[in-house]
Protein backbone atom coordinates (compact mmCIF):
# COMPACT_ATOMS: atom_id res chain seq x y z
CA MET A 1 -10.60 44.75 -9.78
CA TYR A 2 -10.78 40.90 -10.12
CA GLY A 3 -10.38 37.74 -7.82
CA ILE A 4 -8.28 35.15 -8.79
CA TRP A 5 -10.88 33.43 -10.38
CA LYS A 6 -11.00 35.99 -13.58
CA LEU A 7 -8.11 33.85 -15.50
CA SER A 8 -9.13 35.72 -18.58
CA GLU A 9 -7.50 38.89 -16.84
CA ALA A 10 -4.34 37.35 -15.72
CA GLY A 11 -0.99 38.62 -16.79
CA GLU A 12 1.83 36.99 -18.33
CA LEU A 13 5.02 36.28 -16.55
CA THR A 14 8.35 36.24 -18.59
CA GLY A 15 11.67 36.42 -18.12
CA LEU A 16 12.26 32.95 -16.07
CA SER A 17 14.88 30.66 -16.78
CA GLY A 18 16.86 27.47 -15.91
CA ILE A 19 13.65 26.19 -13.55
CA GLU A 20 13.94 22.52 -12.95
CA PRO A 21 11.82 20.23 -10.69
CA GLY A 22 13.93 19.37 -7.64
CA ARG A 23 14.71 15.93 -6.45
CA LEU A 24 12.16 14.46 -3.40
CA LEU A 25 13.76 13.88 -0.38
CA THR A 26 11.58 13.55 2.89
CA PHE A 27 12.87 12.47 6.27
CA LYS A 28 10.16 12.00 9.09
CA PRO A 29 11.62 10.64 12.12
CA TYR A 30 9.69 10.17 15.23
CA GLY A 31 10.63 9.20 18.76
CA LEU A 32 8.38 8.06 21.91
CA GLY A 33 9.25 7.91 25.47
CA GLY A 34 7.94 7.33 28.86
CA VAL A 35 7.74 5.56 32.17
CA GLY A 36 5.45 2.63 33.25
CA ARG A 37 4.86 0.69 36.46
CA LEU A 38 2.38 -2.18 36.91
CA GLY A 39 1.35 -3.18 40.47
CA GLY A 40 4.23 -3.60 42.80
CA GLU A 41 6.86 -3.86 40.02
CA SER A 42 9.92 -1.19 39.71
CA THR A 43 9.39 1.76 37.32
CA ALA A 44 10.60 0.74 33.79
CA ALA A 45 11.50 3.06 31.09
CA LEU A 46 9.37 3.04 27.88
CA TYR A 47 10.60 4.31 24.45
CA THR A 48 10.78 3.60 20.84
CA GLY A 49 11.33 5.41 17.64
CA GLY A 50 11.36 5.07 13.94
CA LEU A 51 11.71 6.91 10.25
CA ASP A 52 10.22 7.34 6.86
CA ILE A 53 12.10 8.13 4.12
CA LYS A 54 10.85 9.35 0.57
CA TYR A 55 13.21 9.72 -2.41
CA GLY A 56 12.19 10.38 -5.92
CA LEU A 57 14.37 8.42 -7.93
CA ARG A 58 12.68 10.09 -11.03
CA PRO A 59 9.84 12.71 -11.56
CA ASN A 60 7.45 9.56 -11.74
CA LEU A 61 9.60 6.77 -9.64
CA ILE A 62 9.25 7.21 -5.88
CA ALA A 63 11.01 4.97 -3.18
CA HIS A 64 9.68 4.72 0.29
CA VAL A 65 11.44 3.29 2.98
CA THR A 66 9.73 2.88 6.53
CA VAL A 67 11.04 1.63 9.89
CA ASN A 68 9.06 0.55 12.90
CA THR A 69 6.26 2.50 11.49
CA ASP A 70 4.11 4.62 13.48
CA PHE A 71 0.34 5.09 12.37
CA ALA A 72 -0.38 7.17 14.93
CA ASP A 73 -1.69 10.01 12.40
CA THR A 74 -3.88 7.79 10.45
CA ASP A 75 -7.63 8.64 10.36
CA VAL A 76 -9.99 6.53 12.59
CA ASP A 77 -12.55 4.40 10.93
CA GLN A 78 -16.04 5.09 10.89
CA GLN A 79 -17.80 3.23 13.28
CA GLN A 80 -20.73 0.81 11.57
CA PHE A 81 -23.09 -1.56 12.51
CA ASN A 82 -23.04 -5.18 10.92
CA LEU A 83 -26.39 -6.88 10.99
CA THR A 84 -25.06 -9.50 8.30
CA PRO A 85 -23.26 -12.47 8.40
CA TYR A 86 -20.57 -10.95 6.14
CA ARG A 87 -17.56 -8.83 7.58
CA ILE A 88 -17.71 -5.15 6.93
CA PHE A 89 -15.31 -3.62 4.43
CA PHE A 90 -13.27 -0.78 5.87
CA PRO A 91 -10.95 0.96 3.21
CA GLY A 92 -7.15 1.35 4.00
CA LYS A 93 -6.04 4.70 5.38
CA ARG A 94 -2.48 4.25 6.23
CA ARG A 95 -0.38 7.05 4.26
CA PHE A 96 2.45 4.35 3.47
CA PHE A 97 0.24 2.28 1.67
CA LEU A 98 -2.24 4.91 0.08
CA GLU A 99 0.67 6.70 -1.68
CA ASN A 100 0.84 5.43 -5.23
CA SER A 101 -1.91 2.74 -4.19
CA ASP A 102 -3.25 2.97 -7.68
CA VAL A 103 -0.43 0.91 -9.20
CA PHE A 104 -1.24 -2.00 -7.17
CA GLN A 105 -5.03 -2.07 -8.36
CA PHE A 106 -5.73 -5.32 -9.87
CA GLN A 107 -8.70 -5.65 -12.44
CA THR A 108 -11.25 -7.74 -10.75
CA TRP A 109 -15.07 -7.82 -10.32
CA TYR A 110 -17.31 -7.41 -7.64
CA GLN A 111 -14.84 -6.96 -4.41
CA ASP A 112 -12.47 -9.54 -5.07
CA SER A 113 -8.89 -8.57 -5.07
CA ILE A 114 -5.76 -10.57 -4.49
CA PHE A 115 -4.01 -7.45 -2.49
CA PHE A 116 -5.60 -5.61 0.24
CA SER A 117 -3.08 -3.35 2.17
CA ARG A 118 -5.21 -3.34 5.27
CA GLN A 119 -4.40 -7.13 6.18
CA ILE A 120 -0.67 -6.14 6.64
CA GLY A 121 -0.26 -4.81 10.23
CA ILE A 122 -3.75 -5.76 11.67
CA ASP A 123 -4.69 -8.92 13.56
CA PRO A 124 -7.51 -10.26 11.34
CA GLU A 125 -9.76 -11.52 14.31
CA THR A 126 -9.18 -8.50 16.96
CA GLY A 127 -8.47 -5.72 14.35
CA GLN A 128 -5.57 -5.08 17.05
CA GLU A 129 -2.09 -3.52 15.37
CA VAL A 130 0.49 -5.79 14.41
CA PRO A 131 3.79 -3.81 14.55
CA ILE A 132 5.99 -3.20 11.19
CA ASP A 133 9.63 -3.64 11.67
CA ALA A 134 9.97 -2.19 8.25
CA GLY A 135 9.03 -1.86 4.77
CA ALA A 136 9.94 -0.64 1.45
CA LYS A 137 7.90 0.30 -1.70
CA LEU A 138 8.90 1.33 -5.53
CA ALA A 139 6.20 2.92 -7.24
CA GLY A 140 5.96 4.94 -10.48
CA LYS A 141 6.49 4.74 -14.21
CA LEU A 142 9.74 3.09 -16.06
CA GLY A 143 10.39 2.63 -19.69
CA GLY A 144 6.80 2.80 -20.58
CA PHE A 145 5.65 0.26 -17.63
CA GLU A 146 3.83 1.21 -14.56
CA LEU A 147 5.85 -0.31 -12.02
CA GLY A 148 5.22 -1.36 -8.12
CA LEU A 149 7.15 -3.52 -5.85
CA MET A 150 6.67 -3.67 -1.95
CA ASP A 151 7.93 -5.70 1.02
CA VAL A 152 6.84 -5.17 4.58
CA LYS A 153 7.92 -7.31 7.56
CA THR A 154 5.85 -7.72 10.76
CA ARG A 155 7.11 -8.84 14.06
CA ALA A 156 5.28 -11.56 16.18
CA ARG A 157 2.87 -10.41 18.78
CA GLY A 158 0.38 -12.29 20.71
CA PRO A 159 -1.14 -15.34 18.48
CA ASN A 160 0.12 -13.40 15.49
CA PRO A 161 3.61 -14.91 14.48
CA TYR A 162 5.98 -12.94 12.41
CA ALA A 163 4.87 -12.41 8.48
CA ASN A 164 6.61 -11.25 5.51
CA TYR A 165 4.90 -9.69 2.78
CA ALA A 166 5.92 -9.23 -0.80
CA VAL A 167 4.15 -7.74 -3.83
CA ALA A 168 4.82 -6.91 -7.22
CA ARG A 169 2.88 -5.39 -9.82
CA VAL A 170 3.67 -4.61 -13.40
CA LYS A 171 1.18 -2.65 -16.21
CA ARG A 172 1.70 -1.78 -19.84
CA PRO A 173 -0.43 0.59 -20.81
CA LEU A 174 -1.61 0.49 -24.92
CA LEU A 175 -3.40 2.39 -27.02
CA GLY A 176 -6.12 4.48 -25.28
CA ASN A 177 -6.95 3.46 -21.60
CA SER A 178 -5.86 -0.20 -22.59
CA TYR A 179 -3.55 -2.19 -20.80
CA LEU A 180 -1.97 -5.48 -19.82
CA GLY A 181 -0.88 -6.23 -16.58
CA PHE A 182 0.59 -8.88 -14.15
CA MET A 183 0.80 -9.09 -10.36
CA TYR A 184 2.27 -11.54 -7.54
CA VAL A 185 1.85 -11.54 -3.98
CA ASP A 186 3.56 -13.76 -1.77
CA LYS A 187 2.89 -14.16 2.15
CA GLN A 188 5.60 -15.98 4.27
CA SER A 189 4.35 -16.59 8.09
CA GLY A 190 6.00 -18.01 11.07
CA SER A 191 2.81 -20.01 11.60
CA THR A 192 2.93 -23.70 11.15
CA GLU A 193 -0.33 -24.18 10.04
CA GLU A 194 -0.18 -21.84 7.27
CA PRO A 195 3.47 -20.71 6.43
CA PHE A 196 3.21 -19.34 3.20
CA ASN A 197 0.05 -18.11 0.87
CA ARG A 198 0.63 -16.90 -2.60
CA ALA A 199 -1.40 -15.71 -5.60
CA GLY A 200 -0.42 -14.76 -9.18
CA GLY A 201 -2.40 -13.18 -12.14
CA LEU A 202 -2.76 -11.51 -15.47
CA ASP A 203 -5.19 -8.71 -15.99
CA GLY A 204 -6.42 -6.69 -18.92
CA LYS A 205 -8.63 -4.18 -20.44
CA PHE A 206 -8.94 -3.20 -24.09
CA VAL A 207 -10.95 -0.39 -25.49
CA LEU A 208 -12.38 -0.88 -28.83
CA PHE A 209 -14.39 1.54 -31.13
CA LYS A 210 -14.07 4.00 -28.37
CA ASN A 211 -17.68 2.90 -26.76
CA LEU A 212 -16.62 -1.01 -26.29
CA THR A 213 -14.46 -2.23 -23.42
CA LEU A 214 -13.36 -5.81 -23.09
CA SER A 215 -11.74 -6.55 -19.42
CA GLY A 216 -10.79 -10.09 -17.98
CA TYR A 217 -8.34 -11.49 -15.57
CA TYR A 218 -6.74 -14.97 -14.26
CA VAL A 219 -5.71 -15.82 -10.95
CA LYS A 220 -4.14 -18.64 -9.37
CA THR A 221 -3.56 -19.04 -5.47
CA ARG A 222 -1.30 -21.94 -3.71
CA SER A 223 -1.47 -22.55 -0.04
CA PRO A 224 -0.33 -25.46 1.96
CA HIS A 225 -2.79 -28.30 2.45
CA LEU A 226 -5.01 -27.41 -0.08
CA HIS A 227 -4.88 -28.98 -3.50
CA GLY A 228 -7.38 -28.51 -6.20
CA LYS A 229 -9.28 -25.91 -4.33
CA ASP A 230 -6.98 -23.04 -4.91
C-alpha cells in the first residue's frame, strides 16, 4: 500500500472526453452597516458597499473590475524600525494589484521602478488609506504579446485630492528568455501644484549563447514646473 507520493505506482485514468476549461467568472460583493454618534449629535446611519468582478476573456487574459474597493482582507505589514535617513520599502499586498503583477514589472536596476502599485490609494506622508472609487485591469497574453492595462481612480480625502492612475505595459517575448517591452504611466491629480506626472520607457533583455545576458532600459518622465531635470 503506497501513499500519494509514489507516482510510479499510480493508475491510468481512461475514458474521459469532452473536457474543456470553464470560463472564469467571480463576483465578490461586500456591504458594511452600522450607526454612529459623536458628542451630543443625533445618531446617524453608517453604510457602504462595493463589488469586485473577475472575468476570463480568454484562458490567458483576465479582466478585473473593482468598485469602492475594500482591502480589509489584506495582510498587515510587518513592523520595522528605521534608523536610516531613507524610507523603508514595504511590498504591495493588496490582491487587486498583486494578481498578474508580473506583467507590469519593468526591467530596472537596484530598486528603481516607474510603477509601484502601493502608491495608489495610500497617503504618501501618513500611510493612511485613500479610498478607491473604481478601478479596472486587463492582464495576460494576447497575439504573442504580454499585455497589461490598468486604470484606478481615488477620491479626495483630507489633504489628498482626487487622482487617476493609468498604466499600460506591453512585452514581446523573443527567443529564449529575451524580450522587448514598453511601459507608460500617467497620474492625473486635482492638486494645483502637481496636476500630473507621467513616465514612459523601453526595456529589453537579450540572452546570447545561453550564458550571456544583455539588458537595459530608457525612461523619460514629465512633471509640471520641472524642465531639464526629468
